[in-house]
Amino acid sequence: MTQSAPFDAFPLPAGSADCHVHVYGPYDRFPAVSGGKFSPLWATPVEALLALWDRMGIARGVIVHALAAGAENEVTLDALRRHRDRLRGVAILKPEVSERRLDELSEAGFR
């Protein structure tokens, strides 16, 4: 088995972005929907994501809301509101979504 290189062995260009990532939890606030093929094995809250990005040299990124993270986009919405400078999001929407909800999501950083 080979050992992987440390993140600083291959530094990323300044301003690098992660274009597709999911966040889950903390489960006491944002419970995951379980039972599906892509159910998360553990919580990976936005703080864990940002800490990993900091180690890797990733400046910003896009959270693609996962169905297993709940149908209302709340965990992603919370992350975008708290980290506007680094995050944008992709939502899962129901056909009956209201204009007001679309405005709320857009203001938070969903695109």
PDB file of N, CA and C in Angstrom:
ATOM      1  N   MET A   1       0.844  -1.176   0.000  1.00  0.00           N
ATOM      2  CA  MET A   1       0.000   0.000   0.000  1.00  0.00           C
ATOM      3  C   MET A   1       0.887   1.236   0.000  1.00  0.00           C
ATOM      4  N   THR A   2       0.578   2.187  -0.860  1.00  0.00           N
ATOM      5  CA  THR A   2       1.374   3.404  -0.944  1.00  0.00           C
ATOM      6  C   THR A   2       0.786   4.484  -0.055  1.00  0.00           C
ATOM      7  N   GLN A   3       1.643   5.341   0.399  1.00  0.00           N
ATOM      8  CA  GLN A   3       1.208   6.456   1.221  1.00  0.00           C
ATOM      9  C   GLN A   3       0.954   7.654   0.315  1.00  0.00           C
ATOM     10  N   SER A   4      -0.142   8.356   0.537  1.00  0.00           N
ATOM     11  CA  SER A   4      -0.450   9.516  -0.295  1.00  0.00           C
ATOM     12  C   SER A   4       0.426  10.695   0.100  1.00  0.00           C
ATOM     13  N   ALA A   5       0.658  11.561  -0.879  1.00  0.00           N
ATOM     14  CA  ALA A   5       1.471  12.757  -0.648  1.00  0.00           C
ATOM     15  C   ALA A   5       0.685  13.764   0.177  1.00  0.00           C
ATOM     16  N   PRO A   6       1.385  14.550   0.998  1.00  0.00           N
ATOM     17  CA  PRO A   6       0.691  15.615   1.739  1.00  0.00           C
ATOM     18  C   PRO A   6       0.149  16.654   0.767  1.00  0.00           C
ATOM     19  N   PHE A   7      -0.880  17.373   1.200  1.00  0.00           N
ATOM     20  CA  PHE A   7      -1.513  18.372   0.336  1.00  0.00           C
ATOM     21  C   PHE A   7      -0.524  19.396  -0.198  1.00  0.00           C
ATOM     22  N   ASP A   8       0.473  19.753   0.603  1.00  0.00           N
ATOM     23  CA  ASP A   8       1.407  20.792   0.162  1.00  0.00           C
ATOM     24  C   ASP A   8       2.445  20.278  -0.836  1.00  0.00           C
ATOM     25  N   ALA A   9       2.455  18.967  -1.138  1.00  0.00           N
ATOM     26  CA  ALA A   9       3.394  18.425  -2.111  1.00  0.00           C
ATOM     27  C   ALA A   9       3.035  18.875  -3.533  1.00  0.00           C
ATOM     28  N   PHE A  10       1.755  19.136  -3.772  1.00  0.00           N
ATOM     29  CA  PHE A  10       1.275  19.584  -5.079  1.00  0.00           C
ATOM     30  C   PHE A  10       0.333  20.762  -4.870  1.00  0.00           C
ATOM     31  N   PRO A  11       0.887  21.946  -4.604  1.00  0.00           N
ATOM     32  CA  PRO A  11       0.029  23.094  -4.290  1.00  0.00           C
ATOM     33  C   PRO A  11      -0.893  23.457  -5.444  1.00  0.00           C
ATOM     34  N   LEU A  12      -2.104  23.830  -5.103  1.00  0.00           N
ATOM     35  CA  LEU A  12      -3.083  24.264  -6.092  1.00  0.00           C
ATOM     36  C   LEU A  12      -2.861  25.729  -6.442  1.00  0.00           C
ATOM     37  N   PRO A  13      -3.286  26.139  -7.623  1.00  0.00           N
ATOM     38  CA  PRO A  13      -3.176  27.558  -7.985  1.00  0.00           C
ATOM     39  C   PRO A  13      -4.015  28.418  -7.043  1.00  0.00           C
ATOM     40  N   ALA A  14      -3.582  29.622  -6.802  1.00  0.00           N
ATOM     41  CA  ALA A  14      -4.335  30.552  -5.956  1.00  0.00           C
ATOM     42  C   ALA A  14      -5.740  30.727  -6.523  1.00  0.00           C
ATOM     43  N   GLY A  15      -6.734  30.752  -5.649  1.00  0.00           N
ATOM     44  CA  GLY A  15      -8.117  30.937  -6.071  1.00  0.00           C
ATOM     45  C   GLY A  15      -8.795  29.674  -6.552  1.00  0.00           C
ATOM     46  N   SER A  16      -8.185  28.506  -6.336  1.00  0.00           N
ATOM     47  CA  SER A  16      -8.780  27.253  -6.796  1.00  0.00           C
ATOM     48  C   SER A  16     -10.176  27.055  -6.209  1.00  0.00           C
ATOM     49  N   ALA A  17     -11.023  26.369  -6.984  1.00  0.00           N
ATOM     50  CA  ALA A  17     -12.407  26.139  -6.574  1.00  0.00           C
ATOM     51  C   ALA A  17     -12.756  24.659  -6.674  1.00  0.00           C
ATOM     52  N   ASP A  18     -13.600  24.224  -5.765  1.00  0.00           N
ATOM     53  CA  ASP A  18     -14.182  22.881  -5.780  1.00  0.00           C
ATOM     54  C   ASP A  18     -15.581  23.052  -6.358  1.00  0.00           C
ATOM     55  N   CYS A  19     -15.870  22.423  -7.463  1.00  0.00           N
ATOM     56  CA  CYS A  19     -17.128  22.702  -8.169  1.00  0.00           C
ATOM     57  C   CYS A  19     -18.270  21.749  -7.844  1.00  0.00           C
ATOM     58  N   HIS A  20     -18.054  20.770  -6.959  1.00  0.00           N
ATOM     59  CA  HIS A  20     -19.156  19.870  -6.605  1.00  0.00           C
ATOM     60  C   HIS A  20     -18.808  19.149  -5.306  1.00  0.00           C
ATOM     61  N   VAL A  21     -19.507  19.514  -4.254  1.00  0.00           N
ATOM     62  CA  VAL A  21     -19.278  18.893  -2.954  1.00  0.00           C
ATOM     63  C   VAL A  21     -20.610  18.866  -2.211  1.00  0.00           C
ATOM     64  N   HIS A  22     -20.758  17.933  -1.256  1.00  0.00           N
ATOM     65  CA  HIS A  22     -21.965  17.839  -0.437  1.00  0.00           C
ATOM     66  C   HIS A  22     -21.594  18.062   1.028  1.00  0.00           C
ATOM     67  N   VAL A  23     -22.528  18.592   1.798  1.00  0.00           N
ATOM     68  CA  VAL A  23     -22.364  18.686   3.249  1.00  0.00           C
ATOM     69  C   VAL A  23     -23.547  18.003   3.920  1.00  0.00           C
ATOM     70  N   TYR A  24     -23.279  17.404   5.076  1.00  0.00           N
ATOM     71  CA  TYR A  24     -24.299  16.717   5.863  1.00  0.00           C
ATOM     72  C   TYR A  24     -24.103  17.065   7.326  1.00  0.00           C
ATOM     73  N   GLY A  25     -25.189  17.467   7.978  1.00  0.00           N
ATOM     74  CA  GLY A  25     -25.146  17.678   9.405  1.00  0.00           C
ATOM     75  C   GLY A  25     -24.583  19.026   9.820  1.00  0.00           C
ATOM     76  N   PRO A  26     -24.421  19.213  11.114  1.00  0.00           N
ATOM     77  CA  PRO A  26     -24.519  18.209  12.166  1.00  0.00           C
ATOM     78  C   PRO A  26     -25.944  17.655  12.267  1.00  0.00           C
ATOM     79  N   TYR A  27     -26.012  16.356  12.528  1.00  0.00           N
ATOM     80  CA  TYR A  27     -27.291  15.661  12.461  1.00  0.00           C
ATOM     81  C   TYR A  27     -28.302  16.098  13.507  1.00  0.00           C
ATOM     82  N   ASP A  28     -27.857  16.692  14.606  1.00  0.00           N
ATOM     83  CA  ASP A  28     -28.827  17.179  15.587  1.00  0.00           C
ATOM     84  C   ASP A  28     -29.603  18.391  15.050  1.00  0.00           C
ATOM     85  N   ARG A  29     -29.042  19.105  14.084  1.00  0.00           N
ATOM     86  CA  ARG A  29     -29.726  20.250  13.457  1.00  0.00           C
ATOM     87  C   ARG A  29     -30.280  19.911  12.082  1.00  0.00           C
ATOM     88  N   PHE A  30     -29.553  19.095  11.336  1.00  0.00           N
ATOM     89  CA  PHE A  30     -29.914  18.776   9.958  1.00  0.00           C
ATOM     90  C   PHE A  30     -29.836  17.265   9.751  1.00  0.00           C
ATOM     91  N   PRO A  31     -30.861  16.535  10.162  1.00  0.00           N
ATOM     92  CA  PRO A  31     -30.808  15.075  10.035  1.00  0.00           C
ATOM     93  C   PRO A  31     -30.766  14.643   8.568  1.00  0.00           C
ATOM     94  N   ALA A  32     -30.004  13.600   8.305  1.00  0.00           N
ATOM     95  CA  ALA A  32     -29.916  13.051   6.954  1.00  0.00           C
ATOM     96  C   ALA A  32     -31.108  12.133   6.696  1.00  0.00           C
ATOM     97  N   VAL A  33     -31.455  12.029   5.444  1.00  0.00           N
ATOM     98  CA  VAL A  33     -32.471  11.079   5.009  1.00  0.00           C
ATOM     99  C   VAL A  33     -31.719   9.803   4.687  1.00  0.00           C
ATOM    100  N   SER A  34     -32.048   8.713   5.371  1.00  0.00           N
ATOM    101  CA  SER A  34     -31.273   7.492   5.187  1.00  0.00           C
ATOM    102  C   SER A  34     -32.042   6.462   4.371  1.00  0.00           C
ATOM    103  N   GLY A  35     -31.330   5.407   4.044  1.00  0.00           N
ATOM    104  CA  GLY A  35     -31.946   4.291   3.363  1.00  0.00           C
ATOM    105  C   GLY A  35     -31.679   4.235   1.877  1.00  0.00           C
ATOM    106  N   GLY A  36     -31.168   5.281   1.301  1.00  0.00           N
ATOM    107  CA  GLY A  36     -30.904   5.289  -0.128  1.00  0.00           C
ATOM    108  C   GLY A  36     -29.513   4.797  -0.469  1.00  0.00           C
ATOM    109  N   LYS A  37     -29.267   4.665  -1.743  1.00  0.00           N
ATOM    110  CA  LYS A  37     -27.976   4.205  -2.235  1.00  0.00           C
ATOM    111  C   LYS A  37     -26.855   5.155  -1.834  1.00  0.00           C
ATOM    112  N   PHE A  38     -27.152   6.451  -1.757  1.00  0.00           N
ATOM    113  CA  PHE A  38     -26.130   7.438  -1.473  1.00  0.00           C
ATOM    114  C   PHE A  38     -26.274   8.059  -0.092  1.00  0.00           C
ATOM    115  N   SER A  39     -26.738   7.300   0.875  1.00  0.00           N
ATOM    116  CA  SER A  39     -26.863   7.811   2.232  1.00  0.00           C
ATOM    117  C   SER A  39     -25.483   8.057   2.821  1.00  0.00           C
ATOM    118  N   PRO A  40     -25.311   9.187   3.508  1.00  0.00           N
ATOM    119  CA  PRO A  40     -23.994   9.475   4.100  1.00  0.00           C
ATOM    120  C   PRO A  40     -23.675   8.510   5.232  1.00  0.00           C
ATOM    121  N   LEU A  41     -22.411   8.159   5.335  1.00  0.00           N
ATOM    122  CA  LEU A  41     -21.968   7.268   6.403  1.00  0.00           C
ATOM    123  C   LEU A  41     -21.719   8.025   7.701  1.00  0.00           C
ATOM    124  N   TRP A  42     -21.395   9.307   7.605  1.00  0.00           N
ATOM    125  CA  TRP A  42     -21.150  10.140   8.782  1.00  0.00           C
ATOM    126  C   TRP A  42     -21.426  11.591   8.419  1.00  0.00           C
ATOM    127  N   ALA A  43     -21.551  12.412   9.441  1.00  0.00           N
ATOM    128  CA  ALA A  43     -21.780  13.844   9.223  1.00  0.00           C
ATOM    129  C   ALA A  43     -20.516  14.486   8.659  1.00  0.00           C
ATOM    130  N   THR A  44     -20.700  15.366   7.704  1.00  0.00           N
ATOM    131  CA  THR A  44     -19.601  16.162   7.153  1.00  0.00           C
ATOM    132  C   THR A  44     -20.090  17.600   7.056  1.00  0.00           C
ATOM    133  N   PRO A  45     -20.133  18.294   8.191  1.00  0.00           N
ATOM    134  CA  PRO A  45     -20.642  19.666   8.202  1.00  0.00           C
ATOM    135  C   PRO A  45     -19.719  20.620   7.463  1.00  0.00           C
ATOM    136  N   VAL A  46     -20.236  21.785   7.179  1.00  0.00           N
ATOM    137  CA  VAL A  46     -19.493  22.772   6.397  1.00  0.00           C
ATOM    138  C   VAL A  46     -18.163  23.134   7.052  1.00  0.00           C
ATOM    139  N   GLU A  47     -18.091  23.119   8.370  1.00  0.00           N
ATOM    140  CA  GLU A  47     -16.822  23.445   9.039  1.00  0.00           C
ATOM    141  C   GLU A  47     -15.738  22.430   8.677  1.00  0.00           C
ATOM    142  N   ALA A  48     -16.098  21.158   8.581  1.00  0.00           N
ATOM    143  CA  ALA A  48     -15.133  20.127   8.178  1.00  0.00           C
ATOM    144  C   ALA A  48     -14.694  20.337   6.734  1.00  0.00           C
ATOM    145  N   LEU A  49     -15.634  20.698   5.883  1.00  0.00           N
ATOM    146  CA  LEU A  49     -15.311  20.977   4.484  1.00  0.00           C
ATOM    147  C   LEU A  49     -14.324  22.134   4.371  1.00  0.00           C
ATOM    148  N   LEU A  50     -14.620  23.237   5.056  1.00  0.00           N
ATOM    149  CA  LEU A  50     -13.748  24.410   4.963  1.00  0.00           C
ATOM    150  C   LEU A  50     -12.365  24.138   5.549  1.00  0.00           C
ATOM    151  N   ALA A  51     -12.298  23.348   6.602  1.00  0.00           N
ATOM    152  CA  ALA A  51     -10.992  22.989   7.175  1.00  0.00           C
ATOM    153  C   ALA A  51     -10.181  22.170   6.172  1.00  0.00           C
ATOM    154  N   LEU A  52     -10.827  21.246   5.485  1.00  0.00           N
ATOM    155  CA  LEU A  52     -10.136  20.468   4.461  1.00  0.00           C
ATOM    156  C   LEU A  52      -9.686  21.369   3.321  1.00  0.00           C
ATOM    157  N   TRP A  53     -10.566  22.241   2.853  1.00  0.00           N
ATOM    158  CA  TRP A  53     -10.193  23.177   1.790  1.00  0.00           C
ATOM    159  C   TRP A  53      -8.998  24.031   2.198  1.00  0.00           C
ATOM    160  N   ASP A  54      -8.990  24.491   3.433  1.00  0.00           N
ATOM    161  CA  ASP A  54      -7.872  25.317   3.907  1.00  0.00           C
ATOM    162  C   ASP A  54      -6.559  24.537   3.836  1.00  0.00           C
ATOM    163  N   ARG A  55      -6.589  23.272   4.201  1.00  0.00           N
ATOM    164  CA  ARG A  55      -5.388  22.431   4.127  1.00  0.00           C
ATOM    165  C   ARG A  55      -4.956  22.208   2.683  1.00  0.00           C
ATOM    166  N   MET A  56      -5.920  22.121   1.774  1.00  0.00           N
ATOM    167  CA  MET A  56      -5.632  21.834   0.369  1.00  0.00           C
ATOM    168  C   MET A  56      -5.333  23.087  -0.455  1.00  0.00           C
ATOM    169  N   GLY A  57      -5.721  24.250   0.064  1.00  0.00           N
ATOM    170  CA  GLY A  57      -5.532  25.485  -0.682  1.00  0.00           C
ATOM    171  C   GLY A  57      -6.693  25.826  -1.607  1.00  0.00           C
ATOM    172  N   ILE A  58      -7.874  25.335  -1.282  1.00  0.00           N
ATOM    173  CA  ILE A  58      -9.064  25.642  -2.085  1.00  0.00           C
ATOM    174  C   ILE A  58      -9.729  26.880  -1.498  1.00  0.00           C
ATOM    175  N   ALA A  59      -9.982  27.864  -2.335  1.00  0.00           N
ATOM    176  CA  ALA A  59     -10.489  29.151  -1.874  1.00  0.00           C
ATOM    177  C   ALA A  59     -12.012  29.217  -1.791  1.00  0.00           C
ATOM    178  N   ARG A  60     -12.691  28.517  -2.692  1.00  0.00           N
ATOM    179  CA  ARG A  60     -14.150  28.655  -2.773  1.00  0.00           C
ATOM    180  C   ARG A  60     -14.735  27.436  -3.447  1.00  0.00           C
ATOM    181  N   GLY A  61     -16.079  27.345  -3.425  1.00  0.00           N
ATOM    182  CA  GLY A  61     -16.675  26.185  -4.064  1.00  0.00           C
ATOM    183  C   GLY A  61     -18.189  26.220  -4.106  1.00  0.00           C
ATOM    184  N   VAL A  62     -18.725  25.148  -4.664  1.00  0.00           N
ATOM    185  CA  VAL A  62     -20.162  25.006  -4.869  1.00  0.00           C
ATOM    186  C   VAL A  62     -20.647  23.771  -4.131  1.00  0.00           C
ATOM    187  N   ILE A  63     -21.586  23.983  -3.204  1.00  0.00           N
ATOM    188  CA  ILE A  63     -22.250  22.861  -2.551  1.00  0.00           C
ATOM    189  C   ILE A  63     -23.435  22.476  -3.419  1.00  0.00           C
ATOM    190  N   VAL A  64     -23.436  21.248  -3.888  1.00  0.00           N
ATOM    191  CA  VAL A  64     -24.570  20.707  -4.618  1.00  0.00           C
ATOM    192  C   VAL A  64     -25.404  19.963  -3.576  1.00  0.00           C
ATOM    193  N   HIS A  65     -26.584  20.485  -3.293  1.00  0.00           N
ATOM    194  CA  HIS A  65     -27.390  19.895  -2.234  1.00  0.00           C
ATOM    195  C   HIS A  65     -27.739  18.458  -2.594  1.00  0.00           C
ATOM    196  N   ALA A  66     -27.481  17.559  -1.691  1.00  0.00           N
ATOM    197  CA  ALA A  66     -27.743  16.135  -1.903  1.00  0.00           C
ATOM    198  C   ALA A  66     -29.122  15.759  -1.386  1.00  0.00           C
ATOM    199  N   LEU A  67     -29.801  14.900  -2.102  1.00  0.00           N
ATOM    200  CA  LEU A  67     -31.126  14.454  -1.683  1.00  0.00           C
ATOM    201  C   LEU A  67     -31.084  13.851  -0.283  1.00  0.00           C
ATOM    202  N   ALA A  68     -30.013  13.124   0.038  1.00  0.00           N
ATOM    203  CA  ALA A  68     -29.881  12.517   1.366  1.00  0.00           C
ATOM    204  C   ALA A  68     -29.691  13.548   2.466  1.00  0.00           C
ATOM    205  N   ALA A  69     -29.442  14.810   2.109  1.00  0.00           N
ATOM    206  CA  ALA A  69     -29.299  15.871   3.105  1.00  0.00           C
ATOM    207  C   ALA A  69     -30.640  16.521   3.432  1.00  0.00           C
ATOM    208  N   GLY A  70     -31.720  15.997   2.884  1.00  0.00           N
ATOM    209  CA  GLY A  70     -33.057  16.525   3.159  1.00  0.00           C
ATOM    210  C   GLY A  70     -33.596  17.326   1.997  1.00  0.00           C
ATOM    211  N   ALA A  71     -34.888  17.279   1.819  1.00  0.00           N
ATOM    212  CA  ALA A  71     -35.529  17.880   0.641  1.00  0.00           C
ATOM    213  C   ALA A  71     -35.668  19.392   0.704  1.00  0.00           C
ATOM    214  N   GLU A  72     -35.397  20.004   1.839  1.00  0.00           N
ATOM    215  CA  GLU A  72     -35.658  21.441   1.978  1.00  0.00           C
ATOM    216  C   GLU A  72     -34.418  22.318   1.822  1.00  0.00           C
ATOM    217  N   ASN A  73     -33.262  21.744   1.532  1.00  0.00           N
ATOM    218  CA  ASN A  73     -32.029  22.508   1.300  1.00  0.00           C
ATOM    219  C   ASN A  73     -31.493  23.231   2.528  1.00  0.00           C
ATOM    220  N   GLU A  74     -31.967  22.917   3.705  1.00  0.00           N
ATOM    221  CA  GLU A  74     -31.636  23.712   4.894  1.00  0.00           C
ATOM    222  C   GLU A  74     -30.164  23.654   5.283  1.00  0.00           C
ATOM    223  N   VAL A  75     -29.526  22.494   5.209  1.00  0.00           N
ATOM    224  CA  VAL A  75     -28.115  22.418   5.597  1.00  0.00           C
ATOM    225  C   VAL A  75     -27.251  23.247   4.644  1.00  0.00           C
ATOM    226  N   THR A  76     -27.587  23.220   3.368  1.00  0.00           N
ATOM    227  CA  THR A  76     -26.839  24.015   2.389  1.00  0.00           C
ATOM    228  C   THR A  76     -27.145  25.494   2.549  1.00  0.00           C
ATOM    229  N   LEU A  77     -28.393  25.824   2.785  1.00  0.00           N
ATOM    230  CA  LEU A  77     -28.789  27.215   3.008  1.00  0.00           C
ATOM    231  C   LEU A  77     -28.039  27.800   4.200  1.00  0.00           C
ATOM    232  N   ASP A  78     -27.969  27.061   5.278  1.00  0.00           N
ATOM    233  CA  ASP A  78     -27.244  27.520   6.462  1.00  0.00           C
ATOM    234  C   ASP A  78     -25.766  27.752   6.147  1.00  0.00           C
ATOM    235  N   ALA A  79     -25.153  26.834   5.431  1.00  0.00           N
ATOM    236  CA  ALA A  79     -23.734  26.972   5.079  1.00  0.00           C
ATOM    237  C   ALA A  79     -23.502  28.205   4.209  1.00  0.00           C
ATOM    238  N   LEU A  80     -24.357  28.422   3.223  1.00  0.00           N
ATOM    239  CA  LEU A  80     -24.195  29.574   2.333  1.00  0.00           C
ATOM    240  C   LEU A  80     -24.363  30.883   3.086  1.00  0.00           C
ATOM    241  N   ARG A  81     -25.331  30.944   3.974  1.00  0.00           N
ATOM    242  CA  ARG A  81     -25.546  32.179   4.742  1.00  0.00           C
ATOM    243  C   ARG A  81     -24.350  32.509   5.623  1.00  0.00           C
ATOM    244  N   ARG A  82     -23.710  31.492   6.173  1.00  0.00           N
ATOM    245  CA  ARG A  82     -22.601  31.732   7.094  1.00  0.00           C
ATOM    246  C   ARG A  82     -21.256  31.922   6.396  1.00  0.00           C
ATOM    247  N   HIS A  83     -21.153  31.522   5.137  1.00  0.00           N
ATOM    248  CA  HIS A  83     -19.865  31.596   4.434  1.00  0.00           C
ATOM    249  C   HIS A  83     -20.061  32.149   3.023  1.00  0.00           C
ATOM    250  N   ARG A  84     -20.697  33.298   2.951  1.00  0.00           N
ATOM    251  CA  ARG A  84     -21.023  33.936   1.664  1.00  0.00           C
ATOM    252  C   ARG A  84     -19.804  34.200   0.800  1.00  0.00           C
ATOM    253  N   ASP A  85     -18.685  34.447   1.424  1.00  0.00           N
ATOM    254  CA  ASP A  85     -17.476  34.782   0.666  1.00  0.00           C
ATOM    255  C   ASP A  85     -16.861  33.581  -0.046  1.00  0.00           C
ATOM    256  N   ARG A  86     -17.206  32.367   0.383  1.00  0.00           N
ATOM    257  CA  ARG A  86     -16.551  31.174  -0.174  1.00  0.00           C
ATOM    258  C   ARG A  86     -17.489  30.217  -0.892  1.00  0.00           C
ATOM    259  N   LEU A  87     -18.790  30.345  -0.669  1.00  0.00           N
ATOM    260  CA  LEU A  87     -19.696  29.305  -1.145  1.00  0.00           C
ATOM    261  C   LEU A  87     -20.809  29.806  -2.056  1.00  0.00           C
ATOM    262  N   ARG A  88     -21.188  28.952  -2.979  1.00  0.00           N
ATOM    263  CA  ARG A  88     -22.414  29.067  -3.751  1.00  0.00           C
ATOM    264  C   ARG A  88     -23.074  27.704  -3.677  1.00  0.00           C
ATOM    265  N   GLY A  89     -24.336  27.623  -4.108  1.00  0.00           N
ATOM    266  CA  GLY A  89     -25.039  26.359  -3.981  1.00  0.00           C
ATOM    267  C   GLY A  89     -25.943  26.042  -5.146  1.00  0.00           C
ATOM    268  N   VAL A  90     -26.248  24.758  -5.256  1.00  0.00           N
ATOM    269  CA  VAL A  90     -27.224  24.240  -6.199  1.00  0.00           C
ATOM    270  C   VAL A  90     -28.293  23.551  -5.357  1.00  0.00           C
ATOM    271  N   ALA A  91     -29.552  23.943  -5.551  1.00  0.00           N
ATOM    272  CA  ALA A  91     -30.657  23.452  -4.730  1.00  0.00           C
ATOM    273  C   ALA A  91     -31.409  22.315  -5.407  1.00  0.00           C
ATOM    274  N   ILE A  92     -32.152  21.583  -4.593  1.00  0.00           N
ATOM    275  CA  ILE A  92     -33.154  20.643  -5.072  1.00  0.00           C
ATOM    276  C   ILE A  92     -34.492  21.316  -4.831  1.00  0.00           C
ATOM    277  N   LEU A  93     -35.277  21.490  -5.879  1.00  0.00           N
ATOM    278  CA  LEU A  93     -36.540  22.217  -5.757  1.00  0.00           C
ATOM    279  C   LEU A  93     -37.737  21.345  -6.099  1.00  0.00           C
ATOM    280  N   LYS A  94     -38.818  21.590  -5.380  1.00  0.00           N
ATOM    281  CA  LYS A  94     -40.088  20.940  -5.674  1.00  0.00           C
ATOM    282  C   LYS A  94     -40.827  21.783  -6.717  1.00  0.00           C
ATOM    283  N   PRO A  95     -41.654  21.164  -7.534  1.00  0.00           N
ATOM    284  CA  PRO A  95     -42.371  21.930  -8.570  1.00  0.00           C
ATOM    285  C   PRO A  95     -43.186  23.097  -8.018  1.00  0.00           C
ATOM    286  N   GLU A  96     -43.682  22.968  -6.804  1.00  0.00           N
ATOM    287  CA  GLU A  96     -44.530  24.009  -6.227  1.00  0.00           C
ATOM    288  C   GLU A  96     -43.756  25.071  -5.436  1.00  0.00           C
ATOM    289  N   VAL A  97     -42.444  25.154  -5.631  1.00  0.00           N
ATOM    290  CA  VAL A  97     -41.642  26.146  -4.909  1.00  0.00           C
ATOM    291  C   VAL A  97     -42.193  27.554  -5.179  1.00  0.00           C
ATOM    292  N   SER A  98     -42.225  28.363  -4.124  1.00  0.00           N
ATOM    293  CA  SER A  98     -42.774  29.718  -4.258  1.00  0.00           C
ATOM    294  C   SER A  98     -41.708  30.698  -4.749  1.00  0.00           C
ATOM    295  N   GLU A  99     -42.166  31.795  -5.298  1.00  0.00           N
ATOM    296  CA  GLU A  99     -41.252  32.866  -5.712  1.00  0.00           C
ATOM    297  C   GLU A  99     -40.487  33.409  -4.508  1.00  0.00           C
ATOM    298  N   ARG A 100     -41.168  33.493  -3.390  1.00  0.00           N
ATOM    299  CA  ARG A 100     -40.525  33.985  -2.162  1.00  0.00           C
ATOM    300  C   ARG A 100     -39.361  33.077  -1.763  1.00  0.00           C
ATOM    301  N   ARG A 101     -39.580  31.748  -1.829  1.00  0.00           N
ATOM    302  CA  ARG A 101     -38.513  30.803  -1.485  1.00  0.00           C
ATOM    303  C   ARG A 101     -37.368  30.902  -2.488  1.00  0.00           C
ATOM    304  N   LEU A 102     -37.684  31.049  -3.763  1.00  0.00           N
ATOM    305  CA  LEU A 102     -36.634  31.211  -4.771  1.00  0.00           C
ATOM    306  C   LEU A 102     -35.798  32.457  -4.496  1.00  0.00           C
ATOM    307  N   ASP A 103     -36.460  33.539  -4.119  1.00  0.00           N
ATOM    308  CA  ASP A 103     -35.737  34.771  -3.779  1.00  0.00           C
ATOM    309  C   ASP A 103     -34.836  34.557  -2.570  1.00  0.00           C
ATOM    310  N   GLU A 104     -35.349  33.862  -1.555  1.00  0.00           N
ATOM    311  CA  GLU A 104     -34.571  33.573  -0.347  1.00  0.00           C
ATOM    312  C   GLU A 104     -33.320  32.751  -0.687  1.00  0.00           C
ATOM    313  N   LEU A 105     -33.484  31.729  -1.499  1.00  0.00           N
ATOM    314  CA  LEU A 105     -32.351  30.875  -1.876  1.00  0.00           C
ATOM    315  C   LEU A 105     -31.343  31.652  -2.719  1.00  0.00           C
ATOM    316  N   SER A 106     -31.837  32.440  -3.647  1.00  0.00           N
ATOM    317  CA  SER A 106     -30.950  33.238  -4.495  1.00  0.00           C
ATOM    318  C   SER A 106     -30.139  34.240  -3.660  1.00  0.00           C
ATOM    319  N   GLU A 107     -30.803  34.903  -2.744  1.00  0.00           N
ATOM    320  CA  GLU A 107     -30.117  35.876  -1.873  1.00  0.00           C
ATOM    321  C   GLU A 107     -29.016  35.212  -1.057  1.00  0.00           C
ATOM    322  N   ALA A 108     -29.220  33.949  -0.661  1.00  0.00           N
ATOM    323  CA  ALA A 108     -28.232  33.250   0.135  1.00  0.00           C
ATOM    324  C   ALA A 108     -27.036  32.774  -0.682  1.00  0.00           C
ATOM    325  N   GLY A 109     -27.209  32.635  -2.004  1.00  0.00           N
ATOM    326  CA  GLY A 109     -26.088  32.206  -2.819  1.00  0.00           C
ATOM    327  C   GLY A 109     -26.359  30.990  -3.692  1.00  0.00           C
ATOM    328  N   PHE A 110     -27.599  30.510  -3.691  1.00  0.00           N
ATOM    329  CA  PHE A 110     -27.934  29.434  -4.629  1.00  0.00           C
ATOM    330  C   PHE A 110     -27.961  30.010  -6.031  1.00  0.00           C
ATOM    331  N   ARG A 111     -27.456  29.250  -6.985  1.00  0.00           N
ATOM    332  CA  ARG A 111     -27.458  29.697  -8.378  1.00  0.00           C
ATOM    333  C   ARG A 111     -28.046  28.621  -9.220  1.00  0.00           C
TER     334      ARG A 111
END
